[in-house]
Amino acid sequence: MTATSGLLLSGQYLLTMDEERSLIEDGALLVAGDSILALGTRKELSSRFPQAEELHSPHGLIMPGLINVHTHAAMSLFRGLADDLPLMQWLSEYIFPVEATLTAEMVHTGTLLSLCEMIRSGTTSFCDMYLFAGAVAEAVEESGMRAWLGEAIYDFPSPSYGELENGLALCQELTDRYREHPLIEMTAVAHAVYTCAPSLLVRVADMARRENLCLAIHLAENEEEDKTCRERYGLSPVQHLEQLGVLGPNLIAAHCVMLDEEEIRLLAQRGVKVAHCPQSNMKLGSGIAPIDTMLAAGVSVGLGTDGSASNNTVDMFAEMNCMVKIHKARRRDPLPISAQQALHCATLGGATVLGAEQSIGSLAVGKKADCIVVDLDQPHLTPLYHPVSHLVYAVKGSDVVHSMVNGRLLMQDRKLLTLDENAILEEANTIAAAIAKRQPS
């Protein structure tokens, strides 16, 4: 083969997350442009592509970048603002009031802050629903990350767009603006069944179908939501969406704690995708979603952190660790969720939730070069018998040393290459000081 330039990423291991769960010792991949040109051993690829520049990590494990399928990036500004409260009280007394004071500039800074944390902890793609989605998109463009973004639509006026009709027009405008963007896809967002009238849920779902967008919603998150929906409509949240014709393969339903087995079968039948957010659900006392039952029923499940106000991080390694443990504890059985299943949910499973499994989520020739390198030369990662076990039970986000999206290095040797981290931290602290002054004593 003709010598080809490009970047050769090499390390102790290459974990592809393909169907064969391939693990290549002394592994390497060649990046050319935005894609993966070749996979194999370091010796093989160095011989085939002698002109390629090499980034070698002697103790590195190369793997697909993590995919966070549900978060609110700008809520990093509210990290630790209100803790130890149930969901509805947390929303109505703290989050909604402070969100009413948000500006596009604040959301831009909060998003950049979250993106610094995501890049540092191994996330390369995320799905965000929040306010001022245009400002979120601008921050994503600056960072070089890959994202699915949507403006949250409610029945009541938004600080972002004002009245409802303006919000729907904004969604259309953003969809048109980013239609051909290589890293950003817009989504349609109906916030929840308790903040959107039935007619609004149908309008947003219709827009998603018309524009071929993912439709994101908070669904069946806790007992109070379930109770409210049954009182208003005589149906559970899932039954309510089924009656409205909203359930479908483009729907990404976040949380899904309050489901019975019949509803799980219905989600599987309709092809609904689920975003599992275990740490947020635990912190808010919402409960534990029956993810093992969903997986057994054939529901596509991805992993999400939710926002930093209810987690309080966006570290997907911590989320995987939590996912496997809480289901073992819930069932009093060590078998319901394996480390391999959790890692799948954070990589290829997340890509499937977003409809992007053909381009990201695993490492294969022709796929986009979205990958990270984890440094295994750590006391808490020694000895190493099974790499997947360590990735789920022992690795921390801070063990990630390199991060690449679309063939571009966003972090090398723990140094962010696309964002001015110090300036972002300074601005975020300035905003936080102003927010703190407005809080009840």
Protein backbone atom coordinates (compact mmCIF):
# COMPACT_ATOMS: atom_id res chain seq x y z
CA MET A 1 0.00 0.00 0.00
CA THR A 2 1.20 3.52 -0.75
CA ALA A 3 2.66 5.35 2.25
CA THR A 4 0.03 7.64 3.75
CA SER A 5 0.40 10.56 6.14
CA GLY A 6 -1.92 10.92 9.09
CA LEU A 7 -1.85 10.51 12.85
CA LEU A 8 -1.09 7.11 14.37
CA LEU A 9 -2.54 6.67 17.86
CA SER A 10 -0.87 3.76 19.60
CA GLY A 11 -0.86 2.25 23.07
CA GLN A 12 -0.80 -0.83 25.24
CA TYR A 13 -4.34 -1.78 24.21
CA LEU A 14 -6.91 -0.88 21.58
CA LEU A 15 -10.52 -1.63 22.59
CA THR A 16 -12.83 -1.34 19.59
CA MET A 17 -16.26 -1.98 21.22
CA ASP A 18 -17.32 -3.76 18.02
CA GLU A 19 -19.58 -6.81 18.01
CA GLU A 20 -16.59 -9.09 18.63
CA ARG A 21 -15.49 -6.90 21.58
CA SER A 22 -12.01 -6.90 20.04
CA LEU A 23 -9.07 -6.04 22.29
CA ILE A 24 -5.77 -5.58 20.45
CA GLU A 25 -2.56 -5.65 22.48
CA ASP A 26 0.09 -3.16 21.37
CA GLY A 27 -2.77 -1.65 19.38
CA ALA A 28 -2.98 1.34 17.08
CA LEU A 29 -5.31 3.20 14.78
CA LEU A 30 -4.53 5.55 11.92
CA VAL A 31 -6.52 8.76 11.65
CA ALA A 32 -6.78 10.47 8.28
CA GLY A 33 -8.94 13.57 8.08
CA ASP A 34 -12.01 13.03 10.26
CA SER A 35 -12.07 9.24 10.04
CA ILE A 36 -10.30 6.02 10.97
CA LEU A 37 -8.27 4.69 8.06
CA ALA A 38 -6.81 1.55 9.65
CA LEU A 39 -6.74 -0.53 12.83
CA GLY A 40 -4.23 -3.12 13.99
CA THR A 41 -1.08 -3.58 15.98
CA ARG A 42 1.43 -0.77 16.32
CA LYS A 43 4.07 -2.80 14.52
CA GLU A 44 1.76 -3.54 11.59
CA LEU A 45 0.49 0.02 11.12
CA SER A 46 3.92 1.61 11.60
CA SER A 47 5.18 -0.60 8.78
CA ARG A 48 2.22 0.15 6.50
CA PHE A 49 2.20 3.90 7.15
CA PRO A 50 5.79 4.97 7.86
CA GLN A 51 5.09 8.63 7.10
CA ALA A 52 2.37 8.95 9.72
CA GLU A 53 3.03 11.09 12.78
CA GLU A 54 2.71 8.98 15.94
CA LEU A 55 1.20 9.78 19.33
CA HIS A 56 2.25 6.81 21.46
CA SER A 57 1.08 6.11 25.02
CA PRO A 58 3.08 3.16 26.43
CA HIS A 59 0.47 2.45 29.10
CA GLY A 60 -2.49 3.79 27.16
CA LEU A 61 -5.79 2.12 26.36
CA ILE A 62 -7.36 3.54 23.20
CA MET A 63 -11.16 3.29 23.11
CA PRO A 64 -14.21 5.02 21.65
CA GLY A 65 -15.08 8.35 23.21
CA LEU A 66 -17.93 8.22 25.73
CA ILE A 67 -21.40 9.39 24.68
CA ASN A 68 -23.57 11.24 27.20
CA VAL A 69 -27.14 10.91 25.93
CA HIS A 70 -28.83 13.24 28.41
CA THR A 71 -27.48 16.37 30.04
CA HIS A 72 -28.04 20.10 30.52
CA ALA A 73 -24.52 21.41 30.05
CA ALA A 74 -25.02 24.99 31.20
CA MET A 75 -26.40 23.81 34.55
CA SER A 76 -22.78 23.48 35.61
CA LEU A 77 -23.37 27.03 36.86
CA PHE A 78 -25.79 25.63 39.46
CA ARG A 79 -23.54 22.83 40.72
CA GLY A 80 -24.21 22.50 44.46
CA LEU A 81 -26.69 25.39 44.48
CA ALA A 82 -29.54 23.30 45.93
CA ASP A 83 -28.94 19.80 47.24
CA ASP A 84 -30.87 17.14 49.15
CA LEU A 85 -34.31 18.09 47.81
CA PRO A 86 -37.01 16.15 45.93
CA LEU A 87 -37.30 16.84 42.20
CA MET A 88 -40.38 19.08 42.13
CA GLN A 89 -39.29 21.21 45.08
CA TRP A 90 -35.78 21.43 43.63
CA LEU A 91 -37.22 22.61 40.30
CA SER A 92 -39.94 24.98 41.52
CA GLU A 93 -38.11 26.65 44.41
CA TYR A 94 -34.56 26.82 43.08
CA ILE A 95 -33.91 25.82 39.48
CA PHE A 96 -36.83 27.46 37.65
CA PRO A 97 -36.39 30.79 39.54
CA VAL A 98 -32.67 31.02 38.84
CA GLU A 99 -33.18 29.92 35.23
CA ALA A 100 -35.56 32.87 34.80
CA THR A 101 -32.52 35.15 35.22
CA LEU A 102 -30.36 33.41 32.63
CA THR A 103 -28.95 35.16 29.58
CA ALA A 104 -27.39 33.74 26.43
CA GLU A 105 -23.98 34.84 27.70
CA MET A 106 -24.44 32.95 30.97
CA VAL A 107 -25.54 29.80 29.15
CA HIS A 108 -22.56 30.09 26.81
CA THR A 109 -20.15 30.26 29.76
CA GLY A 110 -21.89 27.47 31.67
CA THR A 111 -21.76 25.24 28.60
CA LEU A 112 -18.06 25.92 28.08
CA LEU A 113 -17.44 25.03 31.73
CA SER A 114 -19.23 21.72 31.27
CA LEU A 115 -17.39 21.03 28.01
CA CYS A 116 -14.05 21.44 29.79
CA GLU A 117 -15.17 18.78 32.26
CA MET A 118 -16.51 16.49 29.53
CA ILE A 119 -13.33 16.62 27.47
CA ARG A 120 -11.19 16.07 30.56
CA SER A 121 -13.23 13.00 31.58
CA GLY A 122 -13.51 11.23 28.23
CA THR A 123 -16.83 12.35 26.75
CA THR A 124 -16.67 13.15 23.04
CA SER A 125 -20.41 13.40 22.20
CA PHE A 126 -23.42 14.54 24.19
CA CYS A 127 -27.14 15.21 23.85
CA ASP A 128 -28.25 18.45 25.49
CA MET A 129 -31.65 19.96 26.12
CA TYR A 130 -31.70 23.42 27.62
CA LEU A 131 -32.37 27.13 27.17
CA PHE A 132 -30.61 29.43 24.68
CA ALA A 133 -29.68 26.47 22.47
CA GLY A 134 -28.02 28.83 20.01
CA ALA A 135 -25.52 29.84 22.69
CA VAL A 136 -24.96 26.17 23.53
CA ALA A 137 -24.22 25.48 19.86
CA GLU A 138 -21.70 28.32 19.72
CA ALA A 139 -19.87 26.88 22.72
CA VAL A 140 -19.84 23.42 21.13
CA GLU A 141 -18.35 24.85 17.93
CA GLU A 142 -15.57 26.49 19.94
CA SER A 143 -14.78 23.23 21.73
CA GLY A 144 -14.75 20.90 18.72
CA MET A 145 -17.02 18.37 20.43
CA ARG A 146 -19.89 16.47 18.80
CA ALA A 147 -23.39 17.27 20.05
CA TRP A 148 -27.13 16.84 19.65
CA LEU A 149 -28.79 20.05 20.88
CA GLY A 150 -32.33 21.24 21.42
CA GLU A 151 -34.21 24.21 22.85
CA ALA A 152 -36.46 23.10 25.71
CA ILE A 153 -40.11 23.90 24.96
CA TYR A 154 -42.63 24.52 27.76
CA ASP A 155 -46.20 25.76 28.09
CA PHE A 156 -45.03 28.82 30.00
CA PRO A 157 -42.81 31.66 28.72
CA SER A 158 -39.08 30.97 28.53
CA PRO A 159 -36.25 33.38 29.39
CA SER A 160 -34.73 32.32 26.10
CA TYR A 161 -37.53 32.94 23.60
CA GLY A 162 -40.47 34.42 25.53
CA GLU A 163 -43.84 33.13 24.33
CA LEU A 164 -44.36 29.61 23.01
CA GLU A 165 -44.75 30.46 19.34
CA ASN A 166 -41.38 32.20 19.40
CA GLY A 167 -39.87 29.01 20.81
CA LEU A 168 -41.22 26.85 18.04
CA ALA A 169 -39.96 29.35 15.47
CA LEU A 170 -36.54 29.32 17.14
CA CYS A 171 -36.40 25.52 16.93
CA GLN A 172 -37.06 25.71 13.21
CA GLU A 173 -34.46 28.43 12.74
CA LEU A 174 -31.77 26.44 14.59
CA THR A 175 -32.68 23.27 12.69
CA ASP A 176 -32.19 25.09 9.39
CA ARG A 177 -28.96 26.74 10.54
CA TYR A 178 -27.23 23.53 11.61
CA ARG A 179 -28.74 21.12 9.11
CA GLU A 180 -25.42 20.40 7.36
CA HIS A 181 -23.06 20.92 10.30
CA PRO A 182 -20.45 18.16 10.65
CA LEU A 183 -20.57 18.06 14.46
CA ILE A 184 -23.92 19.49 15.56
CA GLU A 185 -27.38 18.03 15.05
CA MET A 186 -30.47 19.73 16.37
CA THR A 187 -33.17 17.84 18.24
CA ALA A 188 -36.78 18.64 19.09
CA VAL A 189 -37.36 18.95 22.84
CA ALA A 190 -40.64 18.72 24.73
CA HIS A 191 -39.55 19.25 28.33
CA ALA A 192 -41.94 16.85 30.10
CA VAL A 193 -45.57 15.75 30.29
CA TYR A 194 -46.10 18.03 33.31
CA THR A 195 -44.75 21.15 31.56
CA CYS A 196 -46.25 20.58 28.10
CA ALA A 197 -49.96 20.40 27.24
CA PRO A 198 -51.06 17.43 25.11
CA SER A 199 -51.45 19.68 22.07
CA LEU A 200 -47.89 20.99 22.52
CA LEU A 201 -46.47 17.47 22.84
CA VAL A 202 -48.13 16.59 19.54
CA ARG A 203 -46.83 19.75 17.82
CA VAL A 204 -43.24 19.11 18.90
CA ALA A 205 -43.47 15.44 17.92
CA ASP A 206 -44.86 16.43 14.51
CA MET A 207 -41.96 18.82 14.00
CA ALA A 208 -39.47 16.08 14.89
CA ARG A 209 -41.00 13.71 12.33
CA ARG A 210 -41.21 16.39 9.65
CA GLU A 211 -37.57 17.42 10.08
CA ASN A 212 -36.26 13.90 10.79
CA LEU A 213 -35.00 14.89 14.26
CA CYS A 214 -34.57 13.05 17.51
CA LEU A 215 -37.29 14.00 20.00
CA ALA A 216 -36.08 14.33 23.59
CA ILE A 217 -38.25 14.39 26.72
CA HIS A 218 -38.07 13.76 30.46
CA LEU A 219 -40.37 10.80 31.06
CA ALA A 220 -41.67 8.92 34.11
CA GLU A 221 -38.91 10.40 36.26
CA ASN A 222 -40.53 10.05 39.69
CA GLU A 223 -43.72 9.21 41.61
CA GLU A 224 -44.98 12.80 41.65
CA GLU A 225 -44.80 13.08 37.86
CA ASP A 226 -46.64 9.77 37.53
CA LYS A 227 -49.31 10.86 40.02
CA THR A 228 -49.82 14.25 38.37
CA CYS A 229 -50.17 12.71 34.92
CA ARG A 230 -52.73 10.17 36.14
CA GLU A 231 -54.74 12.92 37.88
CA ARG A 232 -54.76 15.15 34.78
CA TYR A 233 -55.23 12.58 32.05
CA GLY A 234 -56.16 9.29 33.71
CA LEU A 235 -53.04 7.69 32.28
CA SER A 236 -49.42 7.09 33.22
CA PRO A 237 -46.84 9.28 31.42
CA VAL A 238 -45.97 6.45 28.99
CA GLN A 239 -49.64 5.66 28.31
CA HIS A 240 -50.28 9.39 27.82
CA LEU A 241 -47.61 9.65 25.12
CA GLU A 242 -48.87 6.46 23.48
CA GLN A 243 -52.40 7.85 23.29
CA LEU A 244 -51.04 11.04 21.72
CA GLY A 245 -49.03 9.08 19.14
CA VAL A 246 -45.71 10.44 20.43
CA LEU A 247 -43.97 7.14 21.17
CA GLY A 248 -41.70 6.13 18.30
CA PRO A 249 -38.16 5.22 17.26
CA ASN A 250 -36.98 8.85 17.24
CA LEU A 251 -38.00 9.42 20.89
CA ILE A 252 -35.24 9.66 23.51
CA ALA A 253 -36.93 9.28 26.89
CA ALA A 254 -34.77 10.36 29.82
CA HIS A 255 -35.01 8.66 33.23
CA CYS A 256 -37.93 6.19 32.83
CA VAL A 257 -37.95 5.28 36.52
CA MET A 258 -41.69 4.72 36.93
CA LEU A 259 -42.35 1.93 34.42
CA ASP A 260 -44.13 -1.39 34.74
CA GLU A 261 -43.35 -4.41 32.58
CA GLU A 262 -46.23 -3.72 30.17
CA GLU A 263 -44.92 -0.19 29.56
CA ILE A 264 -41.40 -1.53 29.01
CA ARG A 265 -42.75 -3.92 26.38
CA LEU A 266 -44.56 -0.98 24.77
CA LEU A 267 -41.35 1.09 24.62
CA ALA A 268 -39.57 -1.84 22.99
CA GLN A 269 -42.41 -2.33 20.51
CA ARG A 270 -42.39 1.36 19.53
CA GLY A 271 -38.58 1.49 19.30
CA VAL A 272 -38.29 4.20 21.96
CA LYS A 273 -34.74 4.88 23.18
CA VAL A 274 -34.00 5.42 26.88
CA ALA A 275 -31.43 7.68 28.54
CA HIS A 276 -30.49 6.17 31.90
CA CYS A 277 -29.31 8.73 34.50
CA PRO A 278 -28.66 6.70 37.66
CA GLN A 279 -26.77 9.25 39.77
CA SER A 280 -29.25 12.07 39.22
CA ASN A 281 -32.16 9.74 39.95
CA MET A 282 -30.51 8.67 43.19
CA LYS A 283 -29.56 12.19 44.31
CA LEU A 284 -33.08 13.52 43.74
CA GLY A 285 -34.61 10.48 45.40
CA SER A 286 -36.52 9.61 42.24
CA GLY A 287 -35.71 5.92 42.34
CA ILE A 288 -33.92 3.38 40.16
CA ALA A 289 -35.01 2.77 36.59
CA PRO A 290 -35.55 -0.94 35.75
CA ILE A 291 -32.82 -0.90 33.14
CA ASP A 292 -32.04 -4.62 33.35
CA THR A 293 -35.66 -5.37 32.44
CA MET A 294 -35.53 -2.85 29.58
CA LEU A 295 -32.35 -4.36 28.16
CA ALA A 296 -33.84 -7.85 28.38
CA ALA A 297 -36.91 -6.58 26.51
CA GLY A 298 -34.77 -5.17 23.70
CA VAL A 299 -35.01 -1.46 24.55
CA SER A 300 -32.02 0.57 23.35
CA VAL A 301 -30.42 2.21 26.39
CA GLY A 302 -27.76 4.88 26.60
CA LEU A 303 -26.16 6.47 29.63
CA GLY A 304 -26.54 10.10 30.69
CA THR A 305 -25.34 12.22 33.56
CA ASP A 306 -28.21 14.74 33.60
CA GLY A 307 -27.07 18.25 34.50
CA SER A 308 -24.40 19.10 37.05
CA ALA A 309 -27.03 20.61 39.34
CA SER A 310 -28.42 17.16 40.05
CA ASN A 311 -25.43 14.83 39.78
CA ASN A 312 -23.07 16.91 40.41
CA THR A 313 -20.59 16.01 37.65
CA VAL A 314 -20.63 14.97 34.00
CA ASP A 315 -18.03 12.22 34.48
CA MET A 316 -19.31 9.25 32.47
CA PHE A 317 -16.85 6.84 34.06
CA ALA A 318 -18.47 7.60 37.42
CA GLU A 319 -21.88 7.09 35.81
CA MET A 320 -20.92 3.65 34.49
CA ASN A 321 -19.60 2.66 37.90
CA CYS A 322 -22.86 3.71 39.51
CA MET A 323 -25.00 2.00 36.88
CA VAL A 324 -23.61 -1.46 37.43
CA LYS A 325 -23.65 -1.22 41.22
CA ILE A 326 -27.14 0.15 41.85
CA HIS A 327 -28.82 -2.57 39.82
CA LYS A 328 -26.91 -5.27 41.67
CA ALA A 329 -28.00 -3.69 44.95
CA ARG A 330 -31.60 -3.23 43.80
CA ARG A 331 -31.89 -6.90 42.83
CA ARG A 332 -29.60 -8.18 45.60
CA ASP A 333 -27.92 -10.06 42.81
CA PRO A 334 -24.47 -9.46 41.23
CA LEU A 335 -25.67 -10.37 37.74
CA PRO A 336 -28.36 -7.92 36.45
CA ILE A 337 -25.98 -5.48 34.73
CA SER A 338 -22.42 -6.41 33.73
CA ALA A 339 -19.43 -4.13 33.22
CA GLN A 340 -19.57 -4.94 29.51
CA GLN A 341 -23.22 -3.85 29.30
CA ALA A 342 -22.51 -0.56 31.08
CA LEU A 343 -19.56 0.18 28.79
CA HIS A 344 -21.75 -0.59 25.78
CA CYS A 345 -24.42 1.84 27.03
CA ALA A 346 -21.76 4.56 27.32
CA THR A 347 -20.36 3.97 23.83
CA LEU A 348 -22.08 2.10 21.00
CA GLY A 349 -25.37 1.93 22.90
CA GLY A 350 -25.34 5.70 23.28
CA ALA A 351 -24.64 6.09 19.58
CA THR A 352 -27.63 3.85 18.82
CA VAL A 353 -29.87 6.00 21.03
CA LEU A 354 -28.83 9.03 18.95
CA GLY A 355 -29.19 7.21 15.63
CA ALA A 356 -25.45 7.55 15.00
CA GLU A 357 -24.20 3.97 15.43
CA GLN A 358 -22.96 3.88 11.83
CA SER A 359 -20.50 6.71 12.45
CA ILE A 360 -19.53 6.74 16.15
CA GLY A 361 -19.62 4.55 19.28
CA SER A 362 -17.03 1.98 18.23
CA LEU A 363 -13.67 2.03 16.49
CA ALA A 364 -13.78 0.69 12.94
CA VAL A 365 -12.35 1.60 9.55
CA GLY A 366 -14.49 4.30 7.98
CA LYS A 367 -16.04 5.50 11.24
CA LYS A 368 -15.40 8.98 12.60
CA ALA A 369 -12.24 9.32 14.65
CA ASP A 370 -13.89 9.97 18.03
CA CYS A 371 -11.66 8.31 20.61
CA ILE A 372 -9.90 8.72 23.93
CA VAL A 373 -6.78 7.30 25.55
CA VAL A 374 -6.83 6.18 29.19
CA ASP A 375 -3.54 6.00 31.12
CA LEU A 376 -3.40 2.60 32.84
CA ASP A 377 -0.14 3.33 34.67
CA GLN A 378 -1.89 4.20 37.95
CA PRO A 379 -1.91 2.60 41.42
CA HIS A 380 -5.70 2.21 41.30
CA LEU A 381 -5.43 0.45 37.92
CA THR A 382 -2.72 -2.03 38.93
CA PRO A 383 -2.68 -4.99 38.44
CA LEU A 384 -4.71 -5.30 35.25
CA TYR A 385 -6.43 -8.59 34.49
CA HIS A 386 -9.50 -7.45 32.54
CA PRO A 387 -9.46 -3.99 30.89
CA VAL A 388 -13.26 -3.69 30.67
CA SER A 389 -13.55 -4.36 34.39
CA HIS A 390 -11.13 -1.54 35.15
CA LEU A 391 -12.88 0.88 32.79
CA VAL A 392 -16.15 0.46 34.67
CA TYR A 393 -15.08 -0.28 38.26
CA ALA A 394 -11.78 1.57 38.69
CA VAL A 395 -11.01 4.19 36.01
CA LYS A 396 -11.67 7.85 36.83
CA GLY A 397 -12.30 10.60 34.34
CA SER A 398 -8.97 12.11 35.36
CA ASP A 399 -7.20 9.03 33.93
CA VAL A 400 -8.01 10.19 30.38
CA VAL A 401 -4.88 11.71 28.81
CA HIS A 402 -5.89 12.31 25.18
CA SER A 403 -9.25 13.09 23.57
CA MET A 404 -10.07 13.29 19.88
CA VAL A 405 -13.26 14.19 18.02
CA ASN A 406 -13.69 13.99 14.26
CA GLY A 407 -9.95 13.46 13.85
CA ARG A 408 -9.01 16.55 15.87
CA LEU A 409 -7.20 16.40 19.19
CA LEU A 410 -9.15 18.34 21.82
CA MET A 411 -6.88 17.32 24.70
CA GLN A 412 -3.31 16.03 24.68
CA ASP A 413 -1.43 14.99 27.81
CA ARG A 414 -4.29 16.43 29.92
CA LYS A 415 -3.97 19.87 28.30
CA LEU A 416 -7.09 21.27 26.61
CA LEU A 417 -6.22 22.43 23.09
CA THR A 418 -9.41 24.18 21.98
CA LEU A 419 -10.65 25.98 25.10
CA ASP A 420 -9.11 28.56 27.45
CA GLU A 421 -9.86 26.74 30.67
CA ASN A 422 -8.58 29.45 33.04
CA ALA A 423 -10.65 32.17 31.40
CA ILE A 424 -13.75 29.96 31.48
CA LEU A 425 -13.29 29.20 35.19
CA GLU A 426 -12.85 32.88 35.97
CA GLU A 427 -16.01 33.88 34.12
CA ALA A 428 -18.02 31.03 35.65
CA ASN A 429 -17.00 32.11 39.15
CA THR A 430 -18.04 35.69 38.41
CA ILE A 431 -21.48 34.50 37.30
CA ALA A 432 -21.78 32.20 40.31
CA ALA A 433 -21.07 35.10 42.69
CA ALA A 434 -23.98 37.04 41.20
CA ILE A 435 -26.28 34.00 41.40
CA ALA A 436 -25.36 33.42 45.05
CA LYS A 437 -26.38 36.96 46.00
CA ARG A 438 -29.93 36.29 44.72
CA GLN A 439 -30.45 33.08 46.69
CA PRO A 440 -32.72 32.93 49.74
CA SER A 441 -30.81 33.08 53.02
